[in-house]
């Protein structure tokens, strides 16, 4: 005799049955649960997904956008809250979760409180002082990275760094970035890259909950960031995630991808700047060459003007010109002197006694040799000398009379 066949149920039937059982439980339809917010996700649809936990357990929670409008404050990781809502089963996944209708603050969570306390201590010790921040070198050849060897963070860093500078050498220290062993692994990675003397260090990881990122909030890790002898960039989580290493690092990057952008210069920009500098240098050189050529031409002209042979030729030409002018002047003066001499000769000849004598005149002298020019010089009986053109004679004065005709 065959055994009686039992009923076989589908998964959907089981999940629906459990959902119906929960919906009939008065306690689960209007309860208030205290816990700490973790694994918070703000969905683009406006829904909030998070985990509510205590020291020993956790429960998944969701708050739909329609209920979120009544939330009076922004929900953050680590907050201690009281959630009012209903426990129900999501039939598709067979997962029960708390559907939040209202969320109220219930103090600060343990991790958040620890974070704020340690932050105040480090700030009081001066570890956040901007004077300790070193600039990131603009041009680096070696980049050290402290992060998990697998995951989006290292892939993004390598991809962006190599795209910006294909000649860059990237040295990865495969660190543990989550859990109890994470702080020591991160510190060891920073020290190892220091010994290799890389140009810049990026230390970080991808996003996660406050617990996932907590290694970068440990005091020892913050101290290692602060003491690092090489410029170090903190690149932990997403833009909204803030850890203590962000405050003590030389530079905080909102994401690992942004850290690669900040640490590695774009080689194309470098080439463009070099090309611009080369063009500026060529323009400057051409201008200097042109100016030098003009100066050389000017000096050549001045040198030719001061050429000794040319100077001698100029002096010789000037001497010849002066000589010609002097000869002309002397000739004119000689001509004028000859002319004056001829005139004087004519005048002299006109006054010459010989010429007068040839005209019928005689030249007489007293016995003393004085020239006769007045009857007052002679008297009767004086002997006078007379000169003619062809000879002379002596005469004795018989009679002297003046112009009026009276004889004496």
Foldseek 3Di string as FASTA:
>chain_A
DDDDDDDDDDLLVVLVVVQVVQVPDPDQAKHKDKFFWKFWDQDPQRKIWTWGDDPPDIFTEIEHNVLCVPAPDDDDGQFIKIFIAHWGADSVVRGIGGYGNYIGGDGGHPLVVVLVVVLVVCVVVVLLPLVLFDDQDAAFAEEEEEEAPDDDLVVLLVVLLCQQPVRHHYHYQHADQADDRRLVRSLVSLVVVLVVVGQEYEYEYEAGICRRRCSQQDPSNLVSQQPRPHQYEYAYYAQPDDHSVCSNHSHYARHSNRVSVRNHHRVVVVVVVVVVVVVVVVVVVVVVVVVVVVVVVVVVVVVVVVPPVVVVVVVVVVVVVVVVVVVVVVVVVVVVVVVVVVVVVVVVVVVDVQVVLVVVDKWKAFPVRHTDDDLVVDDAQTKMKIAHNVGIDIDGHHWDDDPVPDID
